[in-house]
Structure formats: C-alpha cells, structure tokens
Amino acid sequence: MAYKKDTDIIEQCDLISVHQDIVDQVNRVMPDEEKLQDLADFFRIFADSTRIRILYLLSQSEMCVCDIASLLNMGQSAISHQLRVLKQMRLVKYRREGKTVFYSLSDGHIQTILAQGLEHVEE
C-alpha cells in the first residue's frame, strides 16, 4: 500500500460556503485577463535554464555575446537566439560600442526576481 505524504494531500472545506465579502474585495483588485496573460508569458521566460543562466550572468556584469557564449560553453548563435527572446520580453537591453554590442538587464526588477527566486530554492 502506497502512503501519501502531507504535501500530496489537498485540504478542502467540509462545508461549501462562499465568503462573498472576500470574493468581492479580491475581485475589485484582480487584474484583467490580458494583464494576467502577459504575466504568465513573463514567467514562462524563466522556465528555460539557458535563459536563467544568461540572466544570472548579466546580473553580475554587462557582457557581449562572445563573453556569454564563452562562459556558458555554447555557440554564439544559440546565445543570440536566447538574447532575442529576452529582449522581446524587455528583460535585457543592449548598447553598441564600436563593433561590439553589450547586453545588460533591463532594470533592477529582473535582478530582484532572480535573487528572490534563488533565495526561495536555497531555503
């Protein structure tokens, strides 16, 4: 006989009763469906370990594609593809210096998300 762990059990109410005041309060602040879809798309970007590694590297320093490819032991075309996805989602930005293009995180929010995610998985 297989035993279930506490984490496998979903607790449910014994009595079905909607707390309308709570439902109404939450409903007033609930974002619209389009914003929630955008949020889901945003978090979907973090589901790829290569993109996470690129974001982590960029949280440490501004880098060009060659630097990132070297650190991750990957080809430049694979890195460029992932950077394009990250740029489209506004997670990274770039600047040109002569013939070199340097990438960095778009803003501090991305670094905060990475740091909090790491903190959570290390608990």
N, C-alpha and C. Protein backbone atom coordinates (compact mmCIF):
# COMPACT_ATOMS: atom_id res chain seq x y z
N MET A 1 0.84 -1.18 0.00
CA MET A 1 0.00 0.00 0.00
C MET A 1 0.88 1.23 0.00
N ALA A 2 0.60 2.17 -0.90
CA ALA A 2 1.38 3.41 -1.01
C ALA A 2 0.83 4.43 -0.03
N TYR A 3 1.73 5.06 0.68
CA TYR A 3 1.34 6.10 1.62
C TYR A 3 1.53 7.47 0.98
N LYS A 4 0.59 8.35 1.25
CA LYS A 4 0.69 9.71 0.72
C LYS A 4 1.40 10.60 1.72
N LYS A 5 2.23 11.48 1.19
CA LYS A 5 2.89 12.48 2.03
C LYS A 5 1.91 13.62 2.27
N ASP A 6 2.17 14.39 3.33
CA ASP A 6 1.34 15.56 3.61
C ASP A 6 1.28 16.52 2.43
N THR A 7 2.37 16.60 1.67
CA THR A 7 2.40 17.53 0.54
C THR A 7 1.54 17.04 -0.62
N ASP A 8 1.15 15.75 -0.61
CA ASP A 8 0.31 15.19 -1.67
C ASP A 8 -1.17 15.41 -1.40
N ILE A 9 -1.51 15.81 -0.18
CA ILE A 9 -2.91 15.94 0.22
C ILE A 9 -3.33 17.40 0.07
N ILE A 10 -4.44 17.63 -0.57
CA ILE A 10 -5.01 18.96 -0.71
C ILE A 10 -6.19 19.04 0.25
N GLU A 11 -6.07 19.94 1.22
CA GLU A 11 -7.14 20.12 2.19
C GLU A 11 -8.29 20.89 1.57
N GLN A 12 -9.49 20.50 1.88
CA GLN A 12 -10.68 21.16 1.37
C GLN A 12 -11.63 21.45 2.53
N CYS A 13 -12.50 22.43 2.30
CA CYS A 13 -13.51 22.76 3.30
C CYS A 13 -14.50 21.60 3.41
N ASP A 14 -15.00 21.39 4.63
CA ASP A 14 -16.04 20.38 4.82
C ASP A 14 -17.41 20.93 4.47
N LEU A 15 -17.52 22.24 4.46
CA LEU A 15 -18.79 22.91 4.18
C LEU A 15 -18.57 23.87 3.01
N ILE A 16 -19.43 23.80 2.01
CA ILE A 16 -19.32 24.71 0.87
C ILE A 16 -20.04 26.00 1.23
N SER A 17 -19.24 27.07 1.36
CA SER A 17 -19.78 28.37 1.74
C SER A 17 -18.89 29.45 1.16
N VAL A 18 -19.45 30.25 0.27
CA VAL A 18 -18.68 31.34 -0.34
C VAL A 18 -18.69 32.53 0.59
N HIS A 19 -17.52 33.07 0.86
CA HIS A 19 -17.38 34.27 1.68
C HIS A 19 -17.43 35.46 0.74
N GLN A 20 -18.62 35.95 0.47
CA GLN A 20 -18.85 36.95 -0.56
C GLN A 20 -18.06 38.23 -0.34
N ASP A 21 -17.86 38.64 0.92
CA ASP A 21 -17.10 39.86 1.19
C ASP A 21 -15.65 39.72 0.72
N ILE A 22 -15.07 38.55 0.94
CA ILE A 22 -13.70 38.30 0.49
C ILE A 22 -13.65 38.24 -1.04
N VAL A 23 -14.61 37.53 -1.63
CA VAL A 23 -14.68 37.41 -3.09
C VAL A 23 -14.81 38.79 -3.73
N ASP A 24 -15.68 39.62 -3.20
CA ASP A 24 -15.87 40.97 -3.76
C ASP A 24 -14.61 41.82 -3.62
N GLN A 25 -13.96 41.74 -2.46
CA GLN A 25 -12.74 42.53 -2.21
C GLN A 25 -11.64 42.13 -3.20
N VAL A 26 -11.44 40.85 -3.38
CA VAL A 26 -10.39 40.38 -4.30
C VAL A 26 -10.76 40.70 -5.74
N ASN A 27 -12.01 40.56 -6.08
CA ASN A 27 -12.48 40.83 -7.44
C ASN A 27 -12.22 42.28 -7.85
N ARG A 28 -12.31 43.20 -6.89
CA ARG A 28 -12.08 44.62 -7.18
C ARG A 28 -10.63 44.90 -7.59
N VAL A 29 -9.68 44.14 -7.09
CA VAL A 29 -8.27 44.40 -7.38
C VAL A 29 -7.67 43.41 -8.38
N MET A 30 -8.45 42.44 -8.82
CA MET A 30 -7.96 41.43 -9.75
C MET A 30 -7.64 42.07 -11.11
N PRO A 31 -6.40 41.87 -11.60
CA PRO A 31 -6.05 42.42 -12.92
C PRO A 31 -6.90 41.77 -14.01
N ASP A 32 -7.03 42.46 -15.15
CA ASP A 32 -7.81 41.88 -16.24
C ASP A 32 -7.05 40.72 -16.87
N GLU A 33 -7.76 39.95 -17.67
CA GLU A 33 -7.22 38.72 -18.25
C GLU A 33 -5.98 38.98 -19.10
N GLU A 34 -5.97 40.07 -19.85
CA GLU A 34 -4.81 40.37 -20.70
C GLU A 34 -3.55 40.59 -19.87
N LYS A 35 -3.67 41.31 -18.76
CA LYS A 35 -2.51 41.54 -17.89
C LYS A 35 -2.04 40.22 -17.27
N LEU A 36 -2.96 39.38 -16.88
CA LEU A 36 -2.58 38.09 -16.29
C LEU A 36 -1.90 37.20 -17.33
N GLN A 37 -2.36 37.27 -18.58
CA GLN A 37 -1.70 36.51 -19.65
C GLN A 37 -0.30 37.03 -19.89
N ASP A 38 -0.14 38.35 -19.88
CA ASP A 38 1.20 38.95 -20.02
C ASP A 38 2.11 38.50 -18.88
N LEU A 39 1.58 38.42 -17.68
CA LEU A 39 2.35 37.96 -16.53
C LEU A 39 2.75 36.50 -16.69
N ALA A 40 1.83 35.68 -17.17
CA ALA A 40 2.14 34.26 -17.41
C ALA A 40 3.24 34.13 -18.46
N ASP A 41 3.16 34.93 -19.53
CA ASP A 41 4.19 34.91 -20.57
C ASP A 41 5.54 35.35 -19.99
N PHE A 42 5.52 36.36 -19.14
CA PHE A 42 6.73 36.84 -18.48
C PHE A 42 7.40 35.72 -17.69
N PHE A 43 6.62 35.02 -16.87
CA PHE A 43 7.20 33.96 -16.06
C PHE A 43 7.59 32.74 -16.89
N ARG A 44 6.95 32.54 -18.02
CA ARG A 44 7.30 31.42 -18.90
C ARG A 44 8.75 31.57 -19.39
N ILE A 45 9.20 32.80 -19.56
CA ILE A 45 10.58 33.05 -20.00
C ILE A 45 11.57 32.47 -19.00
N PHE A 46 11.22 32.48 -17.73
CA PHE A 46 12.11 31.99 -16.68
C PHE A 46 12.13 30.47 -16.59
N ALA A 47 11.35 29.79 -17.41
CA ALA A 47 11.26 28.32 -17.36
C ALA A 47 12.37 27.64 -18.15
N ASP A 48 13.25 28.39 -18.76
CA ASP A 48 14.33 27.83 -19.56
C ASP A 48 15.66 28.06 -18.85
N SER A 49 16.40 26.99 -18.58
CA SER A 49 17.64 27.13 -17.79
C SER A 49 18.71 27.94 -18.51
N THR A 50 18.76 27.88 -19.84
CA THR A 50 19.74 28.70 -20.56
C THR A 50 19.43 30.18 -20.38
N ARG A 51 18.17 30.54 -20.49
CA ARG A 51 17.80 31.95 -20.29
C ARG A 51 18.09 32.38 -18.86
N ILE A 52 17.82 31.53 -17.89
CA ILE A 52 18.11 31.85 -16.49
C ILE A 52 19.61 32.06 -16.31
N ARG A 53 20.41 31.20 -16.91
CA ARG A 53 21.87 31.35 -16.78
C ARG A 53 22.33 32.66 -17.41
N ILE A 54 21.78 33.00 -18.57
CA ILE A 54 22.13 34.28 -19.22
C ILE A 54 21.74 35.44 -18.32
N LEU A 55 20.53 35.41 -17.80
CA LEU A 55 20.09 36.49 -16.92
C LEU A 55 20.98 36.60 -15.69
N TYR A 56 21.36 35.45 -15.13
CA TYR A 56 22.23 35.48 -13.96
C TYR A 56 23.58 36.11 -14.30
N LEU A 57 24.17 35.71 -15.43
CA LEU A 57 25.44 36.31 -15.85
C LEU A 57 25.31 37.82 -16.00
N LEU A 58 24.22 38.24 -16.63
CA LEU A 58 24.01 39.68 -16.85
C LEU A 58 23.69 40.42 -15.55
N SER A 59 23.25 39.68 -14.53
CA SER A 59 23.04 40.33 -13.24
C SER A 59 24.38 40.64 -12.56
N GLN A 60 25.43 39.97 -13.05
CA GLN A 60 26.76 40.18 -12.48
C GLN A 60 27.55 41.25 -13.23
N SER A 61 27.31 41.32 -14.56
CA SER A 61 28.08 42.26 -15.37
C SER A 61 27.45 42.40 -16.75
N GLU A 62 27.63 43.56 -17.33
CA GLU A 62 27.28 43.77 -18.73
C GLU A 62 28.22 42.90 -19.57
N MET A 63 27.70 42.26 -20.62
CA MET A 63 28.53 41.35 -21.42
C MET A 63 28.11 41.36 -22.88
N CYS A 64 29.07 40.99 -23.74
CA CYS A 64 28.75 40.80 -25.15
C CYS A 64 28.43 39.32 -25.38
N VAL A 65 27.91 39.02 -26.55
CA VAL A 65 27.54 37.65 -26.90
C VAL A 65 28.73 36.71 -26.76
N CYS A 66 29.92 37.16 -27.17
CA CYS A 66 31.12 36.33 -27.08
C CYS A 66 31.43 35.94 -25.63
N ASP A 67 31.29 36.90 -24.72
CA ASP A 67 31.54 36.63 -23.30
C ASP A 67 30.57 35.58 -22.78
N ILE A 68 29.29 35.77 -23.09
CA ILE A 68 28.25 34.86 -22.60
C ILE A 68 28.46 33.46 -23.18
N ALA A 69 28.74 33.39 -24.48
CA ALA A 69 28.96 32.09 -25.13
C ALA A 69 30.15 31.37 -24.49
N SER A 70 31.21 32.11 -24.19
CA SER A 70 32.39 31.52 -23.56
C SER A 70 32.06 30.98 -22.17
N LEU A 71 31.36 31.78 -21.38
CA LEU A 71 31.03 31.36 -20.01
C LEU A 71 30.09 30.16 -19.98
N LEU A 72 29.17 30.09 -20.93
CA LEU A 72 28.20 29.00 -20.93
C LEU A 72 28.61 27.84 -21.83
N ASN A 73 29.78 27.98 -22.47
CA ASN A 73 30.28 26.94 -23.36
C ASN A 73 29.24 26.58 -24.43
N MET A 74 28.72 27.62 -25.06
CA MET A 74 27.69 27.45 -26.09
C MET A 74 28.09 28.28 -27.31
N GLY A 75 27.42 28.02 -28.42
CA GLY A 75 27.66 28.79 -29.63
C GLY A 75 27.03 30.17 -29.55
N GLN A 76 27.63 31.10 -30.29
CA GLN A 76 27.11 32.46 -30.30
C GLN A 76 25.71 32.54 -30.88
N SER A 77 25.40 31.71 -31.87
CA SER A 77 24.06 31.77 -32.47
C SER A 77 22.99 31.34 -31.47
N ALA A 78 23.29 30.33 -30.65
CA ALA A 78 22.33 29.90 -29.62
C ALA A 78 22.12 31.00 -28.58
N ILE A 79 23.20 31.66 -28.20
CA ILE A 79 23.11 32.76 -27.23
C ILE A 79 22.32 33.91 -27.84
N SER A 80 22.62 34.25 -29.09
CA SER A 80 21.91 35.35 -29.76
C SER A 80 20.42 35.07 -29.83
N HIS A 81 20.06 33.83 -30.10
CA HIS A 81 18.63 33.47 -30.16
C HIS A 81 17.97 33.72 -28.81
N GLN A 82 18.60 33.29 -27.73
CA GLN A 82 18.02 33.47 -26.40
C GLN A 82 17.98 34.95 -26.02
N LEU A 83 19.01 35.70 -26.40
CA LEU A 83 19.02 37.14 -26.11
C LEU A 83 17.89 37.84 -26.86
N ARG A 84 17.59 37.39 -28.06
CA ARG A 84 16.48 37.97 -28.83
C ARG A 84 15.16 37.77 -28.08
N VAL A 85 14.95 36.57 -27.56
CA VAL A 85 13.74 36.28 -26.79
C VAL A 85 13.68 37.16 -25.54
N LEU A 86 14.80 37.27 -24.84
CA LEU A 86 14.85 38.08 -23.63
C LEU A 86 14.64 39.55 -23.94
N LYS A 87 15.15 40.00 -25.07
CA LYS A 87 14.98 41.40 -25.47
C LYS A 87 13.51 41.67 -25.83
N GLN A 88 12.88 40.73 -26.53
CA GLN A 88 11.47 40.90 -26.91
C GLN A 88 10.58 41.00 -25.67
N MET A 89 10.96 40.32 -24.61
CA MET A 89 10.18 40.37 -23.37
C MET A 89 10.64 41.51 -22.45
N ARG A 90 11.55 42.34 -22.94
CA ARG A 90 12.06 43.51 -22.23
C ARG A 90 12.78 43.14 -20.93
N LEU A 91 13.47 42.00 -20.94
CA LEU A 91 14.25 41.60 -19.77
C LEU A 91 15.70 42.04 -19.89
N VAL A 92 16.16 42.21 -21.13
CA VAL A 92 17.52 42.69 -21.35
C VAL A 92 17.48 43.88 -22.30
N LYS A 93 18.53 44.68 -22.22
CA LYS A 93 18.71 45.80 -23.14
C LYS A 93 20.14 45.71 -23.66
N TYR A 94 20.45 46.52 -24.66
CA TYR A 94 21.79 46.48 -25.22
C TYR A 94 22.26 47.89 -25.56
N ARG A 95 23.57 47.98 -25.71
CA ARG A 95 24.18 49.22 -26.18
C ARG A 95 25.35 48.83 -27.08
N ARG A 96 25.57 49.63 -28.06
CA ARG A 96 26.64 49.38 -29.02
C ARG A 96 27.84 50.26 -28.68
N GLU A 97 29.01 49.65 -28.69
CA GLU A 97 30.28 50.37 -28.50
C GLU A 97 31.19 49.95 -29.64
N GLY A 98 31.25 50.78 -30.66
CA GLY A 98 32.01 50.41 -31.85
C GLY A 98 31.35 49.23 -32.54
N LYS A 99 32.09 48.15 -32.70
CA LYS A 99 31.56 46.94 -33.34
C LYS A 99 31.03 45.93 -32.33
N THR A 100 31.10 46.26 -31.06
CA THR A 100 30.68 45.34 -30.00
C THR A 100 29.34 45.78 -29.44
N VAL A 101 28.47 44.79 -29.19
CA VAL A 101 27.17 45.04 -28.58
C VAL A 101 27.20 44.43 -27.18
N PHE A 102 26.94 45.26 -26.19
CA PHE A 102 26.93 44.81 -24.80
C PHE A 102 25.49 44.68 -24.32
N TYR A 103 25.20 43.58 -23.63
CA TYR A 103 23.87 43.33 -23.08
C TYR A 103 23.91 43.49 -21.56
N SER A 104 22.78 43.92 -21.02
CA SER A 104 22.62 44.04 -19.57
C SER A 104 21.15 43.81 -19.24
N LEU A 105 20.86 43.66 -17.96
CA LEU A 105 19.47 43.52 -17.54
C LEU A 105 18.74 44.84 -17.77
N SER A 106 17.48 44.75 -18.12
CA SER A 106 16.70 45.95 -18.41
C SER A 106 16.58 46.88 -17.22
N ASP A 107 16.37 46.29 -16.04
CA ASP A 107 16.21 47.11 -14.84
C ASP A 107 16.42 46.26 -13.59
N GLY A 108 16.34 46.90 -12.46
CA GLY A 108 16.56 46.22 -11.19
C GLY A 108 15.52 45.18 -10.84
N HIS A 109 14.34 45.27 -11.45
CA HIS A 109 13.29 44.28 -11.16
C HIS A 109 13.75 42.87 -11.52
N ILE A 110 14.45 42.75 -12.63
CA ILE A 110 14.88 41.43 -13.09
C ILE A 110 15.88 40.84 -12.11
N GLN A 111 16.80 41.67 -11.65
CA GLN A 111 17.78 41.20 -10.66
C GLN A 111 17.09 40.79 -9.37
N THR A 112 16.08 41.54 -8.95
CA THR A 112 15.33 41.21 -7.74
C THR A 112 14.60 39.87 -7.89
N ILE A 113 13.98 39.66 -9.05
CA ILE A 113 13.27 38.40 -9.30
C ILE A 113 14.24 37.22 -9.24
N LEU A 114 15.40 37.36 -9.86
CA LEU A 114 16.40 36.30 -9.82
C LEU A 114 16.86 36.03 -8.40
N ALA A 115 17.17 37.09 -7.67
CA ALA A 115 17.67 36.95 -6.29
C ALA A 115 16.63 36.29 -5.39
N GLN A 116 15.37 36.72 -5.53
CA GLN A 116 14.32 36.14 -4.70
C GLN A 116 14.06 34.69 -5.09
N GLY A 117 14.11 34.39 -6.38
CA GLY A 117 13.95 33.00 -6.83
C GLY A 117 15.04 32.11 -6.28
N LEU A 118 16.28 32.58 -6.36
CA LEU A 118 17.39 31.81 -5.81
C LEU A 118 17.26 31.61 -4.31
N GLU A 119 16.89 32.67 -3.63
CA GLU A 119 16.69 32.58 -2.17
C GLU A 119 15.64 31.54 -1.84
N HIS A 120 14.56 31.51 -2.62
CA HIS A 120 13.49 30.56 -2.39
C HIS A 120 13.96 29.11 -2.58
N VAL A 121 14.68 28.83 -3.66
CA VAL A 121 15.10 27.46 -3.92
C VAL A 121 16.22 27.00 -2.98
N GLU A 122 16.93 27.96 -2.37
CA GLU A 122 18.02 27.61 -1.45
C GLU A 122 17.52 27.41 -0.02
N GLU A 123 16.25 27.70 0.24
CA GLU A 123 15.71 27.54 1.62
C GLU A 123 15.62 26.08 1.99
